[in-house]
N, C-alpha and C. Protein backbone atom coordinates (compact mmCIF):
# COMPACT_ATOMS: atom_id res chain seq x y z
N UNK A 1 9.41 11.64 -17.15
CA UNK A 1 10.05 12.35 -16.05
C UNK A 1 9.91 13.85 -16.21
N UNK A 2 9.91 14.33 -17.44
CA UNK A 2 9.79 15.76 -17.66
C UNK A 2 8.48 16.31 -17.13
N UNK A 3 7.41 15.54 -17.26
CA UNK A 3 6.11 15.99 -16.78
C UNK A 3 6.14 16.20 -15.27
N UNK A 4 6.72 15.26 -14.54
CA UNK A 4 6.76 15.39 -13.09
C UNK A 4 7.65 16.55 -12.66
N UNK A 5 8.82 16.72 -13.29
CA UNK A 5 9.68 17.82 -12.88
C UNK A 5 9.06 19.16 -13.25
N UNK A 6 8.30 19.23 -14.34
CA UNK A 6 7.58 20.45 -14.68
C UNK A 6 6.47 20.71 -13.67
N UNK A 7 5.97 19.66 -13.05
CA UNK A 7 4.89 19.80 -12.09
C UNK A 7 5.34 20.53 -10.82
N UNK A 8 6.63 20.54 -10.54
CA UNK A 8 7.11 21.20 -9.33
C UNK A 8 6.81 22.69 -9.32
N UNK A 9 7.20 23.44 -10.36
CA UNK A 9 6.84 24.86 -10.32
C UNK A 9 5.34 25.09 -10.38
N UNK A 10 4.61 24.21 -11.08
CA UNK A 10 3.15 24.33 -11.11
C UNK A 10 2.61 24.20 -9.70
N UNK A 11 3.11 23.22 -8.97
CA UNK A 11 2.71 22.99 -7.58
C UNK A 11 2.98 24.24 -6.74
N UNK A 12 4.17 24.81 -6.89
CA UNK A 12 4.53 26.00 -6.11
C UNK A 12 3.59 27.16 -6.44
N UNK A 13 3.35 27.40 -7.73
CA UNK A 13 2.47 28.50 -8.12
C UNK A 13 1.03 28.24 -7.67
N UNK A 14 0.59 26.99 -7.72
CA UNK A 14 -0.77 26.67 -7.27
C UNK A 14 -0.93 26.96 -5.78
N UNK A 15 0.08 26.60 -4.99
CA UNK A 15 0.03 26.86 -3.55
C UNK A 15 0.02 28.37 -3.30
N UNK A 16 0.93 29.09 -3.94
CA UNK A 16 1.03 30.54 -3.74
C UNK A 16 -0.27 31.24 -4.17
N UNK A 17 -0.79 30.88 -5.35
CA UNK A 17 -2.01 31.54 -5.82
C UNK A 17 -3.23 31.18 -4.98
N UNK A 18 -3.28 29.95 -4.45
CA UNK A 18 -4.41 29.57 -3.59
C UNK A 18 -4.37 30.36 -2.28
N UNK A 19 -3.17 30.57 -1.76
CA UNK A 19 -3.05 31.36 -0.53
C UNK A 19 -3.43 32.82 -0.81
N UNK A 20 -2.95 33.37 -1.93
CA UNK A 20 -3.21 34.77 -2.25
C UNK A 20 -4.64 35.04 -2.69
N UNK A 21 -5.17 34.22 -3.61
CA UNK A 21 -6.45 34.53 -4.22
C UNK A 21 -7.65 33.85 -3.55
N UNK A 22 -7.43 32.70 -2.94
CA UNK A 22 -8.54 32.02 -2.27
C UNK A 22 -8.52 32.25 -0.76
N UNK A 23 -7.47 32.91 -0.29
CA UNK A 23 -7.37 33.21 1.14
C UNK A 23 -7.13 31.98 2.00
N UNK A 24 -6.57 30.92 1.41
CA UNK A 24 -6.32 29.72 2.20
C UNK A 24 -5.15 29.93 3.16
N UNK A 25 -5.26 29.32 4.29
CA UNK A 25 -4.22 29.41 5.31
C UNK A 25 -3.48 28.09 5.39
N UNK A 26 -2.17 28.16 5.54
CA UNK A 26 -1.35 26.96 5.70
C UNK A 26 -0.76 26.97 7.10
N UNK A 27 -0.88 25.82 7.77
CA UNK A 27 -0.22 25.72 9.07
C UNK A 27 1.17 25.10 8.87
N UNK A 28 1.93 24.98 9.93
CA UNK A 28 3.30 24.49 9.80
C UNK A 28 3.35 23.05 9.30
N UNK A 29 2.36 22.23 9.64
CA UNK A 29 2.31 20.85 9.15
C UNK A 29 2.07 20.83 7.65
N UNK A 30 1.18 21.70 7.16
CA UNK A 30 0.92 21.80 5.72
C UNK A 30 2.20 22.20 4.99
N UNK A 31 2.89 23.20 5.49
CA UNK A 31 4.12 23.68 4.85
C UNK A 31 5.18 22.59 4.84
N UNK A 32 5.32 21.88 5.95
CA UNK A 32 6.29 20.78 6.02
C UNK A 32 5.93 19.67 5.02
N UNK A 33 4.66 19.35 4.91
CA UNK A 33 4.21 18.33 3.95
C UNK A 33 4.48 18.75 2.51
N UNK A 34 4.17 20.00 2.18
CA UNK A 34 4.40 20.51 0.82
C UNK A 34 5.88 20.49 0.49
N UNK A 35 6.70 20.97 1.42
CA UNK A 35 8.16 20.98 1.20
C UNK A 35 8.69 19.55 1.05
N UNK A 36 8.18 18.62 1.84
CA UNK A 36 8.62 17.23 1.77
C UNK A 36 8.28 16.62 0.40
N UNK A 37 7.09 16.90 -0.10
CA UNK A 37 6.69 16.38 -1.42
C UNK A 37 7.58 16.97 -2.51
N UNK A 38 7.77 18.27 -2.49
CA UNK A 38 8.62 18.91 -3.51
C UNK A 38 10.04 18.38 -3.43
N UNK A 39 10.58 18.27 -2.23
CA UNK A 39 11.94 17.74 -2.05
C UNK A 39 12.02 16.29 -2.54
N UNK A 40 11.00 15.50 -2.24
CA UNK A 40 10.98 14.10 -2.68
C UNK A 40 11.00 13.97 -4.19
N UNK A 41 10.22 14.80 -4.88
CA UNK A 41 10.20 14.76 -6.35
C UNK A 41 11.55 15.19 -6.91
N UNK A 42 12.16 16.20 -6.29
CA UNK A 42 13.49 16.64 -6.72
C UNK A 42 14.50 15.51 -6.54
N UNK A 43 14.46 14.82 -5.40
CA UNK A 43 15.39 13.71 -5.15
C UNK A 43 15.20 12.61 -6.18
N UNK A 44 13.97 12.27 -6.49
CA UNK A 44 13.69 11.21 -7.46
C UNK A 44 14.30 11.52 -8.82
N UNK A 45 14.14 12.74 -9.27
CA UNK A 45 14.53 13.07 -10.64
C UNK A 45 15.86 13.82 -10.75
N UNK A 46 16.57 13.99 -9.66
CA UNK A 46 17.83 14.73 -9.70
C UNK A 46 18.87 14.01 -10.55
N UNK A 47 19.52 14.77 -11.42
CA UNK A 47 20.63 14.26 -12.22
C UNK A 47 21.67 15.36 -12.31
N UNK A 48 22.94 14.98 -12.17
CA UNK A 48 24.00 15.96 -12.35
C UNK A 48 24.08 16.32 -13.82
N UNK A 49 24.15 17.62 -14.10
CA UNK A 49 24.28 18.06 -15.48
C UNK A 49 24.79 19.49 -15.49
N UNK A 50 25.30 19.89 -16.62
CA UNK A 50 25.68 21.28 -16.83
C UNK A 50 24.44 21.99 -17.36
N UNK A 51 23.78 22.71 -16.49
CA UNK A 51 22.51 23.31 -16.82
C UNK A 51 22.68 24.81 -16.95
N UNK A 52 22.13 25.40 -18.01
CA UNK A 52 22.13 26.84 -18.15
C UNK A 52 20.75 27.29 -18.59
N UNK A 53 20.40 28.51 -18.23
CA UNK A 53 19.08 29.04 -18.55
C UNK A 53 19.01 29.40 -20.03
N UNK A 54 17.97 28.89 -20.68
CA UNK A 54 17.72 29.18 -22.09
C UNK A 54 16.31 29.73 -22.22
N UNK A 55 15.95 30.21 -23.41
CA UNK A 55 14.63 30.81 -23.60
C UNK A 55 13.50 29.81 -23.32
N UNK A 56 13.73 28.53 -23.60
CA UNK A 56 12.72 27.51 -23.32
C UNK A 56 12.40 27.41 -21.84
N UNK A 57 13.38 27.66 -20.99
CA UNK A 57 13.15 27.62 -19.54
C UNK A 57 12.22 28.76 -19.10
N UNK A 58 12.37 29.91 -19.73
CA UNK A 58 11.50 31.04 -19.41
C UNK A 58 10.05 30.69 -19.76
N UNK A 59 9.86 30.09 -20.95
CA UNK A 59 8.51 29.66 -21.34
C UNK A 59 7.97 28.61 -20.38
N UNK A 60 8.83 27.71 -19.93
CA UNK A 60 8.39 26.67 -18.99
C UNK A 60 7.93 27.28 -17.67
N UNK A 61 8.66 28.27 -17.18
CA UNK A 61 8.27 28.92 -15.92
C UNK A 61 6.97 29.69 -16.11
N UNK A 62 6.83 30.37 -17.24
CA UNK A 62 5.57 31.08 -17.51
C UNK A 62 4.41 30.10 -17.65
N UNK A 63 4.66 28.98 -18.32
CA UNK A 63 3.62 27.96 -18.45
C UNK A 63 3.24 27.40 -17.08
N UNK A 64 4.24 27.16 -16.23
CA UNK A 64 3.97 26.66 -14.88
C UNK A 64 3.15 27.67 -14.09
N UNK A 65 3.47 28.95 -14.24
CA UNK A 65 2.70 30.00 -13.57
C UNK A 65 1.25 29.94 -14.03
N UNK A 66 1.04 29.82 -15.34
CA UNK A 66 -0.32 29.77 -15.88
C UNK A 66 -1.08 28.54 -15.38
N UNK A 67 -0.44 27.36 -15.40
CA UNK A 67 -1.09 26.14 -14.93
C UNK A 67 -1.41 26.23 -13.43
N UNK A 68 -0.49 26.78 -12.65
CA UNK A 68 -0.73 26.92 -11.21
C UNK A 68 -1.89 27.84 -10.91
N UNK A 69 -1.91 28.99 -11.58
CA UNK A 69 -3.01 29.94 -11.39
C UNK A 69 -4.31 29.35 -11.95
N UNK A 70 -4.22 28.60 -13.05
CA UNK A 70 -5.42 27.96 -13.62
C UNK A 70 -6.04 26.98 -12.62
N UNK A 71 -5.18 26.23 -11.91
CA UNK A 71 -5.71 25.29 -10.91
C UNK A 71 -6.47 26.06 -9.83
N UNK A 72 -5.91 27.17 -9.39
CA UNK A 72 -6.59 27.99 -8.38
C UNK A 72 -7.88 28.58 -8.95
N UNK A 73 -7.84 29.01 -10.20
CA UNK A 73 -9.03 29.54 -10.85
C UNK A 73 -10.11 28.46 -10.96
N UNK A 74 -9.70 27.24 -11.30
CA UNK A 74 -10.65 26.12 -11.34
C UNK A 74 -11.32 25.95 -9.98
N UNK A 75 -10.51 26.00 -8.93
CA UNK A 75 -11.06 25.84 -7.58
C UNK A 75 -12.05 26.96 -7.28
N UNK A 76 -11.72 28.19 -7.66
CA UNK A 76 -12.61 29.33 -7.45
C UNK A 76 -13.94 29.12 -8.19
N UNK A 77 -13.86 28.72 -9.46
CA UNK A 77 -15.07 28.50 -10.26
C UNK A 77 -15.90 27.36 -9.68
N UNK A 78 -15.23 26.30 -9.20
CA UNK A 78 -15.96 25.16 -8.66
C UNK A 78 -16.78 25.53 -7.43
N UNK A 79 -16.43 26.62 -6.75
CA UNK A 79 -17.25 27.09 -5.64
C UNK A 79 -18.64 27.48 -6.11
N UNK A 80 -18.77 27.81 -7.40
CA UNK A 80 -20.05 28.26 -7.96
C UNK A 80 -20.81 27.13 -8.65
N UNK A 81 -20.15 25.99 -8.90
CA UNK A 81 -20.77 24.86 -9.61
C UNK A 81 -21.33 23.85 -8.61
N UNK A 82 -22.42 23.20 -9.00
CA UNK A 82 -22.98 22.15 -8.17
C UNK A 82 -22.29 20.81 -8.39
N UNK A 83 -21.78 20.59 -9.61
CA UNK A 83 -21.25 19.29 -9.97
C UNK A 83 -19.92 19.46 -10.71
N UNK A 84 -18.98 18.57 -10.44
CA UNK A 84 -17.66 18.65 -11.04
C UNK A 84 -17.64 18.18 -12.50
N UNK A 85 -18.25 17.02 -12.87
CA UNK A 85 -18.11 16.54 -14.26
C UNK A 85 -18.52 17.53 -15.35
N UNK A 86 -19.64 18.26 -15.23
CA UNK A 86 -19.95 19.21 -16.29
C UNK A 86 -18.89 20.31 -16.43
N UNK A 87 -18.35 20.74 -15.29
CA UNK A 87 -17.29 21.75 -15.34
C UNK A 87 -16.05 21.20 -16.04
N UNK A 88 -15.68 19.97 -15.72
CA UNK A 88 -14.51 19.34 -16.36
C UNK A 88 -14.73 19.26 -17.87
N UNK A 89 -15.95 18.89 -18.28
CA UNK A 89 -16.26 18.82 -19.71
C UNK A 89 -16.01 20.18 -20.37
N UNK A 90 -16.53 21.24 -19.78
CA UNK A 90 -16.33 22.58 -20.34
C UNK A 90 -14.86 22.98 -20.30
N UNK A 91 -14.19 22.64 -19.22
CA UNK A 91 -12.78 23.02 -19.07
C UNK A 91 -11.90 22.34 -20.11
N UNK A 92 -12.30 21.18 -20.60
CA UNK A 92 -11.52 20.48 -21.62
C UNK A 92 -11.95 20.85 -23.04
N UNK A 93 -13.25 21.04 -23.27
CA UNK A 93 -13.73 21.28 -24.63
C UNK A 93 -13.49 22.72 -25.08
N UNK A 94 -13.63 23.69 -24.19
CA UNK A 94 -13.46 25.09 -24.60
C UNK A 94 -12.03 25.41 -25.07
N UNK A 95 -10.98 24.94 -24.39
CA UNK A 95 -9.63 25.19 -24.93
C UNK A 95 -9.41 24.53 -26.29
N UNK A 96 -9.97 23.33 -26.47
CA UNK A 96 -9.83 22.66 -27.77
C UNK A 96 -10.49 23.47 -28.87
N UNK A 97 -11.67 23.99 -28.60
CA UNK A 97 -12.37 24.81 -29.59
C UNK A 97 -11.61 26.12 -29.86
N UNK A 98 -11.05 26.70 -28.81
CA UNK A 98 -10.26 27.93 -28.98
C UNK A 98 -9.04 27.68 -29.85
N UNK A 99 -8.39 26.54 -29.68
CA UNK A 99 -7.23 26.20 -30.50
C UNK A 99 -7.66 26.03 -31.96
N UNK A 100 -8.80 25.38 -32.18
CA UNK A 100 -9.30 25.22 -33.56
C UNK A 100 -9.67 26.56 -34.20
N UNK A 101 -10.20 27.48 -33.40
CA UNK A 101 -10.49 28.81 -33.93
C UNK A 101 -9.21 29.56 -34.28
N UNK A 102 -8.19 29.37 -33.46
CA UNK A 102 -6.90 30.03 -33.68
C UNK A 102 -6.19 29.46 -34.90
N UNK A 103 -6.26 28.13 -35.06
CA UNK A 103 -5.57 27.48 -36.17
C UNK A 103 -6.49 26.42 -36.78
N UNK A 104 -7.42 26.82 -37.62
CA UNK A 104 -8.39 25.89 -38.21
C UNK A 104 -7.76 24.76 -39.03
N UNK A 105 -6.56 24.98 -39.53
CA UNK A 105 -5.91 23.94 -40.35
C UNK A 105 -5.62 22.67 -39.55
N UNK A 106 -5.67 22.75 -38.24
CA UNK A 106 -5.43 21.57 -37.40
C UNK A 106 -6.51 20.50 -37.59
N UNK A 107 -7.66 20.89 -38.09
CA UNK A 107 -8.75 19.93 -38.30
C UNK A 107 -8.32 18.82 -39.26
N UNK A 108 -7.37 19.13 -40.15
CA UNK A 108 -6.88 18.13 -41.10
C UNK A 108 -6.13 16.99 -40.43
N UNK A 109 -5.58 17.24 -39.24
CA UNK A 109 -4.81 16.19 -38.55
C UNK A 109 -5.69 15.29 -37.68
N UNK A 110 -6.96 15.61 -37.54
CA UNK A 110 -7.85 14.81 -36.69
C UNK A 110 -8.00 13.36 -37.13
N UNK A 111 -8.07 13.04 -38.42
CA UNK A 111 -8.21 11.63 -38.80
C UNK A 111 -7.10 10.73 -38.24
N UNK A 112 -5.92 11.28 -38.07
CA UNK A 112 -4.80 10.51 -37.50
C UNK A 112 -5.18 9.95 -36.12
N UNK A 113 -5.89 10.73 -35.33
CA UNK A 113 -6.24 10.32 -33.97
C UNK A 113 -7.37 9.30 -33.93
N UNK A 114 -8.04 9.11 -35.04
CA UNK A 114 -9.10 8.12 -35.12
C UNK A 114 -8.64 6.82 -35.79
N UNK A 115 -7.35 6.72 -36.06
CA UNK A 115 -6.81 5.50 -36.66
C UNK A 115 -6.82 4.37 -35.63
N UNK A 116 -6.75 3.12 -36.11
CA UNK A 116 -6.78 1.96 -35.21
C UNK A 116 -5.64 1.99 -34.21
N UNK A 117 -4.47 2.43 -34.63
CA UNK A 117 -3.29 2.45 -33.76
C UNK A 117 -3.43 3.45 -32.62
N UNK A 118 -4.06 4.56 -32.87
CA UNK A 118 -4.08 5.67 -31.91
C UNK A 118 -5.36 5.72 -31.08
N UNK A 119 -6.51 5.46 -31.67
CA UNK A 119 -7.80 5.73 -31.03
C UNK A 119 -7.97 5.03 -29.68
N UNK A 120 -7.65 3.75 -29.62
CA UNK A 120 -7.80 3.01 -28.35
C UNK A 120 -6.93 3.60 -27.25
N UNK A 121 -5.69 3.91 -27.61
CA UNK A 121 -4.76 4.51 -26.63
C UNK A 121 -5.25 5.89 -26.21
N UNK A 122 -5.78 6.63 -27.16
CA UNK A 122 -6.29 7.97 -26.87
C UNK A 122 -7.48 7.90 -25.92
N UNK A 123 -8.38 6.96 -26.15
CA UNK A 123 -9.54 6.79 -25.26
C UNK A 123 -9.09 6.41 -23.86
N UNK A 124 -8.14 5.47 -23.75
CA UNK A 124 -7.63 5.06 -22.44
C UNK A 124 -6.99 6.23 -21.71
N UNK A 125 -6.09 6.92 -22.39
CA UNK A 125 -5.40 8.04 -21.77
C UNK A 125 -6.38 9.15 -21.39
N UNK A 126 -7.31 9.47 -22.28
CA UNK A 126 -8.30 10.51 -22.00
C UNK A 126 -9.17 10.13 -20.81
N UNK A 127 -9.56 8.88 -20.73
CA UNK A 127 -10.41 8.42 -19.62
C UNK A 127 -9.68 8.52 -18.29
N UNK A 128 -8.44 8.07 -18.28
CA UNK A 128 -7.65 8.14 -17.04
C UNK A 128 -7.44 9.59 -16.63
N UNK A 129 -7.13 10.44 -17.60
CA UNK A 129 -6.91 11.85 -17.30
C UNK A 129 -8.20 12.51 -16.82
N UNK A 130 -9.33 12.18 -17.43
CA UNK A 130 -10.61 12.75 -17.01
C UNK A 130 -10.95 12.31 -15.59
N UNK A 131 -10.73 11.04 -15.28
CA UNK A 131 -11.00 10.55 -13.92
C UNK A 131 -10.10 11.26 -12.91
N UNK A 132 -8.83 11.45 -13.28
CA UNK A 132 -7.93 12.13 -12.34
C UNK A 132 -8.38 13.58 -12.13
N UNK A 133 -8.78 14.26 -13.19
CA UNK A 133 -9.25 15.64 -13.05
C UNK A 133 -10.51 15.71 -12.20
N UNK A 134 -11.43 14.79 -12.44
CA UNK A 134 -12.68 14.78 -11.67
C UNK A 134 -12.39 14.51 -10.20
N UNK A 135 -11.52 13.55 -9.90
CA UNK A 135 -11.24 13.23 -8.49
C UNK A 135 -10.50 14.36 -7.79
N UNK A 136 -9.57 15.01 -8.49
CA UNK A 136 -8.86 16.13 -7.86
C UNK A 136 -9.82 17.26 -7.53
N UNK A 137 -10.69 17.61 -8.48
CA UNK A 137 -11.62 18.71 -8.22
C UNK A 137 -12.76 18.29 -7.28
N UNK A 138 -13.11 17.02 -7.27
CA UNK A 138 -14.09 16.53 -6.30
C UNK A 138 -13.52 16.64 -4.89
N UNK A 139 -12.22 16.43 -4.75
CA UNK A 139 -11.57 16.58 -3.44
C UNK A 139 -11.71 18.03 -2.97
N UNK A 140 -11.54 18.97 -3.89
CA UNK A 140 -11.71 20.37 -3.52
C UNK A 140 -13.16 20.66 -3.17
N UNK A 141 -14.06 20.15 -4.00
CA UNK A 141 -15.50 20.38 -3.78
C UNK A 141 -15.95 19.78 -2.44
N UNK A 142 -15.28 18.71 -2.01
CA UNK A 142 -15.64 18.05 -0.75
C UNK A 142 -15.06 18.79 0.46
N UNK A 143 -14.36 19.90 0.23
CA UNK A 143 -13.88 20.69 1.36
C UNK A 143 -12.37 20.76 1.48
N UNK A 144 -11.64 20.16 0.54
CA UNK A 144 -10.18 20.24 0.60
C UNK A 144 -9.69 21.62 0.19
N UNK A 145 -8.45 21.91 0.54
CA UNK A 145 -7.84 23.19 0.17
C UNK A 145 -7.01 23.00 -1.10
N UNK A 146 -7.17 23.91 -2.06
CA UNK A 146 -6.42 23.84 -3.32
C UNK A 146 -4.92 23.87 -3.06
N UNK A 147 -4.50 24.62 -2.03
CA UNK A 147 -3.08 24.73 -1.71
C UNK A 147 -2.50 23.43 -1.17
N UNK A 148 -3.34 22.51 -0.79
CA UNK A 148 -2.90 21.20 -0.28
C UNK A 148 -3.17 20.09 -1.31
N UNK A 149 -4.28 20.19 -2.03
CA UNK A 149 -4.65 19.16 -3.00
C UNK A 149 -3.61 19.04 -4.12
N UNK A 150 -3.15 20.18 -4.64
CA UNK A 150 -2.19 20.13 -5.74
C UNK A 150 -0.90 19.43 -5.32
N UNK A 151 -0.29 19.77 -4.18
CA UNK A 151 0.91 19.01 -3.78
C UNK A 151 0.64 17.52 -3.54
N UNK A 152 -0.51 17.19 -2.96
CA UNK A 152 -0.84 15.78 -2.75
C UNK A 152 -0.90 15.05 -4.10
N UNK A 153 -1.42 15.73 -5.12
CA UNK A 153 -1.51 15.09 -6.43
C UNK A 153 -0.13 14.75 -6.99
N UNK A 154 0.91 15.42 -6.51
CA UNK A 154 2.28 15.11 -6.94
C UNK A 154 2.76 13.76 -6.39
N UNK A 155 2.03 13.22 -5.42
CA UNK A 155 2.42 11.92 -4.88
C UNK A 155 2.25 10.80 -5.91
N UNK A 156 1.66 11.13 -7.04
CA UNK A 156 1.56 10.15 -8.12
C UNK A 156 2.94 9.70 -8.59
N UNK A 157 3.95 10.49 -8.28
CA UNK A 157 5.32 10.13 -8.65
C UNK A 157 5.73 8.80 -8.00
N UNK A 158 5.20 8.49 -6.84
CA UNK A 158 5.53 7.23 -6.16
C UNK A 158 5.04 6.06 -7.01
N UNK A 159 3.83 6.15 -7.50
CA UNK A 159 3.29 5.10 -8.37
C UNK A 159 4.09 5.02 -9.67
N UNK A 160 4.51 6.17 -10.19
CA UNK A 160 5.32 6.20 -11.40
C UNK A 160 6.63 5.44 -11.19
N UNK A 161 7.27 5.64 -10.06
CA UNK A 161 8.53 4.95 -9.75
C UNK A 161 8.29 3.45 -9.64
N UNK A 162 7.24 3.06 -8.94
CA UNK A 162 6.95 1.63 -8.76
C UNK A 162 6.62 0.97 -10.10
N UNK A 163 5.77 1.61 -10.89
CA UNK A 163 5.38 1.02 -12.19
C UNK A 163 6.56 0.98 -13.16
N UNK A 164 7.40 2.00 -13.14
CA UNK A 164 8.56 1.99 -14.06
C UNK A 164 9.56 0.91 -13.66
N UNK A 165 9.62 0.58 -12.37
CA UNK A 165 10.51 -0.49 -11.92
C UNK A 165 10.01 -1.84 -12.44
N UNK A 166 8.72 -2.10 -12.27
CA UNK A 166 8.18 -3.40 -12.63
C UNK A 166 7.88 -3.56 -14.12
N UNK A 167 7.35 -2.52 -14.76
CA UNK A 167 6.92 -2.66 -16.15
C UNK A 167 7.96 -2.21 -17.18
N UNK A 168 8.80 -1.26 -16.80
CA UNK A 168 9.80 -0.75 -17.73
C UNK A 168 11.22 -1.17 -17.37
N UNK A 169 11.33 -1.93 -16.28
CA UNK A 169 12.62 -2.45 -15.83
C UNK A 169 13.64 -1.33 -15.57
N UNK A 170 13.16 -0.20 -15.06
CA UNK A 170 14.04 0.92 -14.73
C UNK A 170 14.58 0.72 -13.32
N UNK A 171 15.82 0.30 -13.25
CA UNK A 171 16.43 0.01 -11.95
C UNK A 171 17.58 0.95 -11.62
N UNK A 172 17.83 1.94 -12.48
CA UNK A 172 18.91 2.88 -12.21
C UNK A 172 18.50 3.85 -11.09
N UNK A 173 19.47 4.22 -10.29
CA UNK A 173 19.27 5.15 -9.17
C UNK A 173 18.13 4.71 -8.25
N UNK A 174 18.02 3.42 -8.00
CA UNK A 174 16.91 2.87 -7.23
C UNK A 174 16.88 3.41 -5.80
N UNK A 175 18.04 3.49 -5.15
CA UNK A 175 18.05 4.00 -3.76
C UNK A 175 17.61 5.46 -3.73
N UNK A 176 18.03 6.25 -4.71
CA UNK A 176 17.63 7.66 -4.81
C UNK A 176 16.11 7.75 -4.99
N UNK A 177 15.56 6.89 -5.84
CA UNK A 177 14.12 6.90 -6.08
C UNK A 177 13.34 6.46 -4.85
N UNK A 178 13.87 5.49 -4.12
CA UNK A 178 13.20 5.03 -2.90
C UNK A 178 13.18 6.13 -1.85
N UNK A 179 14.31 6.82 -1.66
CA UNK A 179 14.39 7.92 -0.68
C UNK A 179 13.41 9.03 -1.07
N UNK A 180 13.41 9.40 -2.36
CA UNK A 180 12.48 10.43 -2.82
C UNK A 180 11.04 10.01 -2.63
N UNK A 181 10.72 8.76 -2.92
CA UNK A 181 9.35 8.26 -2.76
C UNK A 181 8.92 8.30 -1.30
N UNK A 182 9.83 7.96 -0.40
CA UNK A 182 9.52 8.03 1.04
C UNK A 182 9.22 9.46 1.46
N UNK A 183 10.02 10.42 0.96
CA UNK A 183 9.78 11.83 1.27
C UNK A 183 8.41 12.28 0.75
N UNK A 184 8.08 11.88 -0.47
CA UNK A 184 6.78 12.25 -1.06
C UNK A 184 5.65 11.63 -0.25
N UNK A 185 5.78 10.36 0.08
CA UNK A 185 4.74 9.66 0.84
C UNK A 185 4.56 10.30 2.22
N UNK A 186 5.68 10.62 2.87
CA UNK A 186 5.62 11.25 4.20
C UNK A 186 4.95 12.62 4.10
N UNK A 187 5.29 13.38 3.06
CA UNK A 187 4.66 14.69 2.87
C UNK A 187 3.17 14.57 2.64
N UNK A 188 2.76 13.60 1.83
CA UNK A 188 1.33 13.39 1.60
C UNK A 188 0.62 13.02 2.88
N UNK A 189 1.24 12.19 3.72
CA UNK A 189 0.63 11.83 5.00
C UNK A 189 0.46 13.05 5.90
N UNK A 190 1.43 13.96 5.86
CA UNK A 190 1.33 15.18 6.66
C UNK A 190 0.17 16.06 6.19
N UNK A 191 -0.12 16.02 4.92
CA UNK A 191 -1.19 16.88 4.38
C UNK A 191 -2.59 16.28 4.51
N UNK A 192 -2.65 14.99 4.74
CA UNK A 192 -3.96 14.33 4.83
C UNK A 192 -4.60 14.57 6.19
């Protein structure tokens, strides 16, 4: 759930940066769809709590800003590339190499990821994530707007709700999750 709720500010920053830096225009239907998706995700994950701002929240907002602008930067760079997969390869390998240059001692932890318990799961997760990245950027390359694609990608929360109901037996706040999912689905339909 934390990943999806963190995705909300990323979505907002991606939309704002795409409008500012890529010159994308949003019509009233686009804005209504984006707001509906964001509202739907908020409804799904809303919980009453005593919340106060801490230093970790500042880092989260800064991280969201960076991810949102990075998505727009990816879209800008993809305008210059002929093919999405090679760009995705570079976009994933270069940060990993930069982290190893920054902290070479991390190389000692690599054998853990090649163990029998972890490697298969890592390959599955990496493959699914790579396919999702390729399809999102292929949507942009095919003529979609970054300011619309990023919010549409948040509709994955609907599948998360459905899968958690059936596979994880999560039945708490079901009506709240259904209402939020309907809002997300309706917003995605408005953006398509």
